[in-house]
């Protein structure tokens, strides 16, 4: 395996463990949310993150590639939570957690998708996963804003 594919595999390994971390973190948040619709959306995102991580692992396992088990703290640029500052409005903490995880995952996916690698069908799978994650995060943000009536004229600007 050449150095380019090894580099891509390291990035995918980081993504897989970040998806697993997002699953765990979103599950903890969902347990604290009172709004039924928001809780369902959060649990859906948690399940999707787990499914996407498993799907990526299985794609490589079928090719004979296994990922070593890493602790989340070992991942460079991990999306583990730091202290939350600037929480002023209700729902800001959830918004912060979602934005942090979304930005990290989207950057990780885009970093991999911008690579030139030879794993057939993987690009299509990852593009689908990326689109599904964007949709799930948007749904959660909208539900979070709706529960506090925090819509502004710039909320839906493109």
N, C-alpha and C. Protein backbone atom coordinates (compact mmCIF):
# COMPACT_ATOMS: atom_id res chain seq x y z
N UNK A 1 0.86 -1.18 0.00
CA UNK A 1 0.00 0.00 0.00
C UNK A 1 0.90 1.23 0.00
N UNK A 2 0.62 2.17 -0.89
CA UNK A 2 1.48 3.34 -1.00
C UNK A 2 1.19 4.37 0.10
N UNK A 3 2.07 5.37 0.19
CA UNK A 3 1.98 6.38 1.26
C UNK A 3 0.69 7.18 1.18
N UNK A 4 0.21 7.44 -0.04
CA UNK A 4 -1.02 8.22 -0.20
C UNK A 4 -2.21 7.48 0.40
N UNK A 5 -2.33 6.18 0.10
CA UNK A 5 -3.43 5.39 0.66
C UNK A 5 -3.29 5.24 2.17
N UNK A 6 -2.08 5.13 2.67
CA UNK A 6 -1.85 5.06 4.12
C UNK A 6 -2.32 6.34 4.79
N UNK A 7 -2.04 7.48 4.17
CA UNK A 7 -2.49 8.77 4.69
C UNK A 7 -4.01 8.86 4.70
N UNK A 8 -4.65 8.40 3.64
CA UNK A 8 -6.11 8.41 3.55
C UNK A 8 -6.69 7.48 4.62
N UNK A 9 -6.08 6.32 4.81
CA UNK A 9 -6.57 5.38 5.83
C UNK A 9 -6.47 5.99 7.23
N UNK A 10 -5.42 6.75 7.49
CA UNK A 10 -5.29 7.41 8.79
C UNK A 10 -6.41 8.44 8.97
N UNK A 11 -6.73 9.15 7.92
CA UNK A 11 -7.82 10.14 7.99
C UNK A 11 -9.16 9.45 8.18
N UNK A 12 -9.37 8.34 7.50
CA UNK A 12 -10.62 7.60 7.64
C UNK A 12 -10.72 7.00 9.04
N UNK A 13 -9.62 6.52 9.57
CA UNK A 13 -9.61 5.99 10.93
C UNK A 13 -10.02 7.08 11.92
N UNK A 14 -9.49 8.26 11.75
CA UNK A 14 -9.86 9.39 12.61
C UNK A 14 -11.34 9.72 12.46
N UNK A 15 -11.84 9.67 11.24
CA UNK A 15 -13.26 9.94 11.00
C UNK A 15 -14.14 8.90 11.68
N UNK A 16 -13.77 7.64 11.58
CA UNK A 16 -14.56 6.56 12.18
C UNK A 16 -14.67 6.76 13.69
N UNK A 17 -13.57 7.06 14.32
CA UNK A 17 -13.62 7.24 15.77
C UNK A 17 -14.32 8.53 16.15
N UNK A 18 -14.26 9.53 15.31
CA UNK A 18 -14.99 10.77 15.57
C UNK A 18 -16.49 10.55 15.42
N UNK A 19 -16.88 9.74 14.46
CA UNK A 19 -18.30 9.38 14.33
C UNK A 19 -18.78 8.65 15.58
N UNK A 20 -17.94 7.76 16.09
CA UNK A 20 -18.29 7.04 17.32
C UNK A 20 -18.41 7.99 18.50
N UNK A 21 -17.51 8.94 18.56
CA UNK A 21 -17.56 9.92 19.65
C UNK A 21 -18.81 10.79 19.52
N UNK A 22 -19.15 11.20 18.32
CA UNK A 22 -20.35 12.00 18.10
C UNK A 22 -21.57 11.23 18.56
N UNK A 23 -21.62 9.94 18.25
CA UNK A 23 -22.73 9.10 18.69
C UNK A 23 -22.87 9.17 20.22
N UNK A 24 -21.77 8.96 20.92
CA UNK A 24 -21.82 8.95 22.39
C UNK A 24 -22.21 10.32 22.94
N UNK A 25 -21.65 11.37 22.39
CA UNK A 25 -21.93 12.71 22.89
C UNK A 25 -23.37 13.12 22.63
N UNK A 26 -23.87 12.83 21.44
CA UNK A 26 -25.25 13.18 21.09
C UNK A 26 -26.24 12.37 21.94
N UNK A 27 -25.91 11.12 22.23
CA UNK A 27 -26.77 10.32 23.11
C UNK A 27 -26.88 10.95 24.50
N UNK A 28 -25.76 11.45 25.03
CA UNK A 28 -25.80 12.10 26.34
C UNK A 28 -26.66 13.35 26.30
N UNK A 29 -26.55 14.11 25.23
CA UNK A 29 -27.35 15.33 25.08
C UNK A 29 -28.83 14.97 24.97
N UNK A 30 -29.14 13.95 24.19
CA UNK A 30 -30.53 13.54 23.99
C UNK A 30 -31.19 13.15 25.31
N UNK A 31 -30.44 12.55 26.20
CA UNK A 31 -30.98 12.16 27.50
C UNK A 31 -31.40 13.37 28.34
N UNK A 32 -30.81 14.52 28.07
CA UNK A 32 -31.08 15.73 28.86
C UNK A 32 -32.16 16.62 28.26
N UNK A 33 -32.58 16.34 27.02
CA UNK A 33 -33.53 17.20 26.31
C UNK A 33 -34.96 16.79 26.63
N UNK A 34 -35.79 17.77 26.95
CA UNK A 34 -37.19 17.51 27.27
C UNK A 34 -38.09 17.42 26.03
N UNK A 35 -37.76 18.16 24.99
CA UNK A 35 -38.58 18.22 23.79
C UNK A 35 -38.51 16.87 23.06
N UNK A 36 -39.67 16.25 22.87
CA UNK A 36 -39.76 14.91 22.27
C UNK A 36 -39.22 14.88 20.83
N UNK A 37 -39.60 15.85 20.01
CA UNK A 37 -39.15 15.87 18.61
C UNK A 37 -37.64 16.06 18.51
N UNK A 38 -37.11 16.93 19.35
CA UNK A 38 -35.67 17.16 19.34
C UNK A 38 -34.92 15.92 19.83
N UNK A 39 -35.44 15.27 20.84
CA UNK A 39 -34.82 14.04 21.36
C UNK A 39 -34.79 12.97 20.27
N UNK A 40 -35.90 12.83 19.53
CA UNK A 40 -35.96 11.85 18.44
C UNK A 40 -34.93 12.18 17.36
N UNK A 41 -34.80 13.46 17.01
CA UNK A 41 -33.83 13.87 16.00
C UNK A 41 -32.40 13.62 16.48
N UNK A 42 -32.14 13.90 17.75
CA UNK A 42 -30.81 13.65 18.31
C UNK A 42 -30.49 12.16 18.33
N UNK A 43 -31.45 11.34 18.73
CA UNK A 43 -31.24 9.89 18.72
C UNK A 43 -31.04 9.37 17.30
N UNK A 44 -31.73 9.97 16.33
CA UNK A 44 -31.54 9.60 14.93
C UNK A 44 -30.13 9.91 14.46
N UNK A 45 -29.62 11.10 14.83
CA UNK A 45 -28.25 11.47 14.48
C UNK A 45 -27.26 10.52 15.14
N UNK A 46 -27.52 10.17 16.38
CA UNK A 46 -26.65 9.24 17.10
C UNK A 46 -26.59 7.90 16.38
N UNK A 47 -27.75 7.39 15.99
CA UNK A 47 -27.79 6.11 15.27
C UNK A 47 -27.10 6.21 13.92
N UNK A 48 -27.34 7.31 13.19
CA UNK A 48 -26.69 7.47 11.89
C UNK A 48 -25.18 7.49 12.04
N UNK A 49 -24.68 8.20 13.05
CA UNK A 49 -23.23 8.26 13.26
C UNK A 49 -22.66 6.87 13.48
N UNK A 50 -23.34 6.08 14.28
CA UNK A 50 -22.88 4.72 14.55
C UNK A 50 -22.95 3.86 13.30
N UNK A 51 -24.04 3.96 12.56
CA UNK A 51 -24.21 3.18 11.33
C UNK A 51 -23.14 3.57 10.31
N UNK A 52 -22.87 4.87 10.18
CA UNK A 52 -21.87 5.32 9.21
C UNK A 52 -20.48 4.83 9.58
N UNK A 53 -20.14 4.86 10.87
CA UNK A 53 -18.84 4.35 11.31
C UNK A 53 -18.73 2.86 11.01
N UNK A 54 -19.77 2.11 11.32
CA UNK A 54 -19.76 0.66 11.05
C UNK A 54 -19.70 0.37 9.56
N UNK A 55 -20.42 1.16 8.78
CA UNK A 55 -20.41 0.98 7.33
C UNK A 55 -19.01 1.18 6.74
N UNK A 56 -18.33 2.21 7.20
CA UNK A 56 -16.97 2.45 6.72
C UNK A 56 -16.04 1.31 7.14
N UNK A 57 -16.17 0.86 8.39
CA UNK A 57 -15.35 -0.26 8.87
C UNK A 57 -15.58 -1.51 8.02
N UNK A 58 -16.84 -1.79 7.72
CA UNK A 58 -17.17 -2.98 6.94
C UNK A 58 -16.64 -2.90 5.51
N UNK A 59 -16.68 -1.71 4.92
CA UNK A 59 -16.14 -1.54 3.57
C UNK A 59 -14.67 -1.92 3.53
N UNK A 60 -13.93 -1.51 4.55
CA UNK A 60 -12.51 -1.81 4.57
C UNK A 60 -12.24 -3.23 5.02
N UNK A 61 -13.04 -3.73 5.93
CA UNK A 61 -12.88 -5.11 6.39
C UNK A 61 -13.03 -6.07 5.22
N UNK A 62 -13.97 -5.77 4.32
CA UNK A 62 -14.17 -6.59 3.13
C UNK A 62 -12.95 -6.55 2.21
N UNK A 63 -12.15 -5.50 2.33
CA UNK A 63 -10.93 -5.37 1.54
C UNK A 63 -9.71 -5.88 2.31
N UNK A 64 -9.93 -6.38 3.54
CA UNK A 64 -8.83 -6.91 4.33
C UNK A 64 -8.09 -5.86 5.14
N UNK A 65 -8.69 -4.68 5.31
CA UNK A 65 -8.06 -3.60 6.06
C UNK A 65 -8.80 -3.44 7.38
N UNK A 66 -8.06 -3.49 8.47
CA UNK A 66 -8.64 -3.32 9.80
C UNK A 66 -8.03 -2.09 10.45
N UNK A 67 -8.85 -1.40 11.23
CA UNK A 67 -8.38 -0.20 11.92
C UNK A 67 -8.04 -0.53 13.36
N UNK A 68 -6.88 -0.06 13.84
CA UNK A 68 -6.53 -0.30 15.24
C UNK A 68 -7.44 0.51 16.15
N UNK A 69 -7.69 -0.02 17.32
CA UNK A 69 -8.55 0.68 18.29
C UNK A 69 -7.74 1.79 18.94
N UNK A 70 -8.20 3.03 18.81
CA UNK A 70 -7.53 4.18 19.41
C UNK A 70 -8.43 4.81 20.46
N UNK A 71 -7.83 5.35 21.48
CA UNK A 71 -8.59 6.15 22.44
C UNK A 71 -8.90 7.49 21.78
N UNK A 72 -10.05 8.06 22.09
CA UNK A 72 -10.43 9.32 21.46
C UNK A 72 -9.41 10.42 21.73
N UNK A 73 -8.77 10.38 22.89
CA UNK A 73 -7.80 11.42 23.23
C UNK A 73 -6.56 11.36 22.33
N UNK A 74 -6.32 10.20 21.72
CA UNK A 74 -5.16 10.04 20.86
C UNK A 74 -5.36 10.65 19.47
N UNK A 75 -6.61 10.95 19.14
CA UNK A 75 -6.88 11.47 17.80
C UNK A 75 -6.48 12.93 17.70
N UNK A 76 -5.66 13.23 16.73
CA UNK A 76 -5.27 14.61 16.53
C UNK A 76 -6.46 15.37 15.95
N UNK A 77 -6.80 16.51 16.56
CA UNK A 77 -7.93 17.31 16.08
C UNK A 77 -9.25 16.70 16.46
N UNK A 78 -9.29 15.89 17.51
CA UNK A 78 -10.52 15.23 17.92
C UNK A 78 -11.61 16.24 18.24
N UNK A 79 -12.85 15.81 18.08
CA UNK A 79 -13.99 16.67 18.37
C UNK A 79 -14.47 16.52 19.80
N UNK A 80 -13.57 16.11 20.72
CA UNK A 80 -13.95 16.02 22.12
C UNK A 80 -14.25 17.42 22.63
N UNK A 81 -15.17 17.49 23.58
CA UNK A 81 -15.68 18.78 24.03
C UNK A 81 -14.69 19.51 24.93
N UNK A 82 -14.58 20.80 24.72
CA UNK A 82 -13.86 21.69 25.61
C UNK A 82 -14.89 22.38 26.48
N UNK A 83 -14.45 23.23 27.37
CA UNK A 83 -15.42 23.97 28.17
C UNK A 83 -16.23 24.88 27.26
N UNK A 84 -17.50 25.01 27.59
CA UNK A 84 -18.42 25.81 26.79
C UNK A 84 -18.46 27.21 27.36
N UNK A 85 -18.06 28.18 26.55
CA UNK A 85 -18.09 29.57 26.97
C UNK A 85 -19.10 30.33 26.13
N UNK A 86 -19.63 31.40 26.69
CA UNK A 86 -20.53 32.26 25.93
C UNK A 86 -21.95 31.74 25.83
N UNK A 87 -22.35 30.85 26.74
CA UNK A 87 -23.72 30.34 26.74
C UNK A 87 -24.60 31.39 27.40
N UNK A 88 -25.43 32.04 26.59
CA UNK A 88 -26.26 33.12 27.11
C UNK A 88 -27.74 32.84 26.95
N UNK A 89 -28.13 32.23 25.86
CA UNK A 89 -29.53 31.98 25.55
C UNK A 89 -29.86 30.52 25.79
N UNK A 90 -31.14 30.23 26.10
CA UNK A 90 -31.54 28.82 26.19
C UNK A 90 -31.29 28.13 24.85
N UNK A 91 -30.75 26.95 24.89
CA UNK A 91 -30.48 26.20 23.67
C UNK A 91 -29.10 26.44 23.09
N UNK A 92 -28.35 27.42 23.65
CA UNK A 92 -27.02 27.71 23.12
C UNK A 92 -26.06 26.55 23.32
N UNK A 93 -26.17 25.83 24.43
CA UNK A 93 -25.26 24.72 24.68
C UNK A 93 -25.46 23.61 23.65
N UNK A 94 -26.71 23.27 23.36
CA UNK A 94 -26.99 22.26 22.35
C UNK A 94 -26.50 22.74 20.99
N UNK A 95 -26.74 23.99 20.70
CA UNK A 95 -26.28 24.56 19.43
C UNK A 95 -24.76 24.47 19.32
N UNK A 96 -24.07 24.77 20.40
CA UNK A 96 -22.60 24.70 20.41
C UNK A 96 -22.12 23.27 20.17
N UNK A 97 -22.71 22.33 20.88
CA UNK A 97 -22.30 20.92 20.75
C UNK A 97 -22.53 20.43 19.32
N UNK A 98 -23.68 20.76 18.77
CA UNK A 98 -23.99 20.33 17.39
C UNK A 98 -23.06 20.99 16.39
N UNK A 99 -22.84 22.29 16.54
CA UNK A 99 -21.98 23.01 15.60
C UNK A 99 -20.56 22.48 15.65
N UNK A 100 -20.06 22.23 16.85
CA UNK A 100 -18.69 21.71 17.00
C UNK A 100 -18.56 20.34 16.32
N UNK A 101 -19.49 19.45 16.60
CA UNK A 101 -19.44 18.12 15.98
C UNK A 101 -19.66 18.19 14.47
N UNK A 102 -20.61 19.02 14.05
CA UNK A 102 -20.89 19.15 12.62
C UNK A 102 -19.66 19.67 11.88
N UNK A 103 -19.07 20.75 12.36
CA UNK A 103 -17.91 21.32 11.69
C UNK A 103 -16.75 20.33 11.61
N UNK A 104 -16.53 19.59 12.71
CA UNK A 104 -15.44 18.63 12.71
C UNK A 104 -15.70 17.50 11.72
N UNK A 105 -16.90 16.95 11.75
CA UNK A 105 -17.21 15.83 10.85
C UNK A 105 -17.22 16.26 9.39
N UNK A 106 -17.81 17.42 9.10
CA UNK A 106 -17.84 17.87 7.70
C UNK A 106 -16.43 18.13 7.18
N UNK A 107 -15.58 18.71 8.01
CA UNK A 107 -14.19 18.94 7.59
C UNK A 107 -13.48 17.61 7.36
N UNK A 108 -13.71 16.63 8.25
CA UNK A 108 -13.07 15.33 8.10
C UNK A 108 -13.52 14.63 6.82
N UNK A 109 -14.82 14.66 6.54
CA UNK A 109 -15.33 14.07 5.30
C UNK A 109 -14.74 14.78 4.08
N UNK A 110 -14.77 16.10 4.08
CA UNK A 110 -14.26 16.85 2.93
C UNK A 110 -12.77 16.63 2.72
N UNK A 111 -12.02 16.51 3.80
CA UNK A 111 -10.59 16.24 3.70
C UNK A 111 -10.34 14.92 2.98
N UNK A 112 -11.13 13.92 3.32
CA UNK A 112 -10.98 12.60 2.69
C UNK A 112 -11.49 12.63 1.25
N UNK A 113 -12.63 13.27 1.02
CA UNK A 113 -13.21 13.29 -0.32
C UNK A 113 -12.36 14.08 -1.31
N UNK A 114 -11.50 14.97 -0.81
CA UNK A 114 -10.60 15.73 -1.68
C UNK A 114 -9.34 14.94 -2.05
N UNK A 115 -9.18 13.77 -1.45
CA UNK A 115 -8.02 12.91 -1.73
C UNK A 115 -8.29 12.08 -2.99
N UNK A 116 -7.22 11.63 -3.60
CA UNK A 116 -7.31 10.73 -4.74
C UNK A 116 -6.94 9.34 -4.25
N UNK A 117 -7.93 8.46 -4.09
CA UNK A 117 -7.66 7.13 -3.59
C UNK A 117 -8.46 6.10 -4.36
N UNK A 118 -8.02 4.85 -4.26
CA UNK A 118 -8.54 3.80 -5.12
C UNK A 118 -9.42 2.79 -4.38
N UNK A 119 -10.41 3.24 -3.67
CA UNK A 119 -11.35 2.32 -3.03
C UNK A 119 -12.68 2.47 -3.75
N UNK A 120 -13.02 1.50 -4.62
CA UNK A 120 -14.22 1.62 -5.44
C UNK A 120 -15.49 1.78 -4.60
N UNK A 121 -16.32 2.74 -5.00
CA UNK A 121 -17.60 2.95 -4.36
C UNK A 121 -17.54 3.72 -3.05
N UNK A 122 -16.37 3.85 -2.46
CA UNK A 122 -16.27 4.52 -1.17
C UNK A 122 -16.63 6.00 -1.26
N UNK A 123 -16.24 6.63 -2.34
CA UNK A 123 -16.54 8.06 -2.51
C UNK A 123 -18.06 8.28 -2.51
N UNK A 124 -18.81 7.41 -3.20
CA UNK A 124 -20.26 7.54 -3.24
C UNK A 124 -20.88 7.33 -1.86
N UNK A 125 -20.39 6.33 -1.14
CA UNK A 125 -20.89 6.06 0.21
C UNK A 125 -20.63 7.25 1.11
N UNK A 126 -19.43 7.77 1.05
CA UNK A 126 -19.07 8.90 1.92
C UNK A 126 -19.83 10.17 1.56
N UNK A 127 -20.08 10.38 0.28
CA UNK A 127 -20.86 11.55 -0.14
C UNK A 127 -22.29 11.45 0.39
N UNK A 128 -22.86 10.24 0.32
CA UNK A 128 -24.19 10.02 0.87
C UNK A 128 -24.19 10.29 2.38
N UNK A 129 -23.20 9.76 3.08
CA UNK A 129 -23.11 9.96 4.52
C UNK A 129 -22.99 11.44 4.87
N UNK A 130 -22.16 12.15 4.13
CA UNK A 130 -21.97 13.58 4.36
C UNK A 130 -23.28 14.34 4.19
N UNK A 131 -24.00 14.05 3.13
CA UNK A 131 -25.29 14.73 2.90
C UNK A 131 -26.30 14.41 4.00
N UNK A 132 -26.33 13.15 4.44
CA UNK A 132 -27.25 12.75 5.50
C UNK A 132 -26.91 13.45 6.82
N UNK A 133 -25.63 13.57 7.12
CA UNK A 133 -25.22 14.26 8.34
C UNK A 133 -25.57 15.74 8.30
N UNK A 134 -25.36 16.38 7.15
CA UNK A 134 -25.73 17.79 7.01
C UNK A 134 -27.22 17.98 7.27
N UNK A 135 -28.01 17.10 6.71
CA UNK A 135 -29.47 17.16 6.88
C UNK A 135 -29.86 16.96 8.34
N UNK A 136 -29.25 15.98 9.00
CA UNK A 136 -29.57 15.69 10.40
C UNK A 136 -29.20 16.86 11.31
N UNK A 137 -28.04 17.45 11.09
CA UNK A 137 -27.62 18.58 11.91
C UNK A 137 -28.54 19.79 11.67
N UNK A 138 -28.93 20.02 10.42
CA UNK A 138 -29.84 21.12 10.12
C UNK A 138 -31.18 20.93 10.82
N UNK A 139 -31.70 19.73 10.78
CA UNK A 139 -32.97 19.42 11.44
C UNK A 139 -32.88 19.70 12.94
N UNK A 140 -31.79 19.28 13.56
CA UNK A 140 -31.62 19.51 14.99
C UNK A 140 -31.52 20.99 15.31
N UNK A 141 -30.78 21.72 14.51
CA UNK A 141 -30.67 23.17 14.73
C UNK A 141 -32.03 23.86 14.63
N UNK A 142 -32.79 23.49 13.62
CA UNK A 142 -34.12 24.08 13.45
C UNK A 142 -35.06 23.73 14.59
N UNK A 143 -35.05 22.47 15.02
CA UNK A 143 -35.89 22.06 16.14
C UNK A 143 -35.46 22.76 17.43
N UNK A 144 -34.17 22.94 17.61
CA UNK A 144 -33.66 23.62 18.80
C UNK A 144 -34.10 25.09 18.80
N UNK A 145 -34.01 25.73 17.64
CA UNK A 145 -34.46 27.13 17.55
C UNK A 145 -35.96 27.24 17.75
N UNK A 146 -36.70 26.29 17.21
CA UNK A 146 -38.16 26.33 17.30
C UNK A 146 -38.64 26.19 18.74
N UNK A 147 -37.96 25.39 19.52
CA UNK A 147 -38.43 25.19 20.90
C UNK A 147 -38.27 26.45 21.75
N UNK A 148 -37.41 27.36 21.34
CA UNK A 148 -37.25 28.62 22.07
C UNK A 148 -37.74 29.82 21.27
N UNK A 149 -38.27 29.58 20.06
CA UNK A 149 -38.77 30.67 19.22
C UNK A 149 -37.67 31.65 18.85
N UNK A 150 -36.50 31.14 18.46
CA UNK A 150 -35.33 31.97 18.21
C UNK A 150 -35.10 32.18 16.72
N UNK A 151 -36.13 32.35 15.95
CA UNK A 151 -35.96 32.56 14.51
C UNK A 151 -35.77 34.04 14.23
N UNK A 152 -34.84 34.33 13.33
CA UNK A 152 -34.58 35.70 12.91
C UNK A 152 -34.68 35.76 11.39
N UNK A 153 -34.55 36.94 10.85
CA UNK A 153 -34.63 37.09 9.40
C UNK A 153 -33.44 36.45 8.70
N UNK A 154 -32.32 36.23 9.42
CA UNK A 154 -31.14 35.63 8.82
C UNK A 154 -31.05 34.12 9.04
N UNK A 155 -32.01 33.54 9.76
CA UNK A 155 -31.98 32.12 10.07
C UNK A 155 -31.93 31.26 8.82
N UNK A 156 -32.67 31.61 7.81
CA UNK A 156 -32.76 30.78 6.62
C UNK A 156 -32.02 31.35 5.42
N UNK A 157 -31.11 32.27 5.63
CA UNK A 157 -30.38 32.83 4.50
C UNK A 157 -29.40 31.81 3.96
N UNK A 158 -29.23 31.80 2.68
CA UNK A 158 -28.33 30.84 2.04
C UNK A 158 -27.06 31.48 1.73
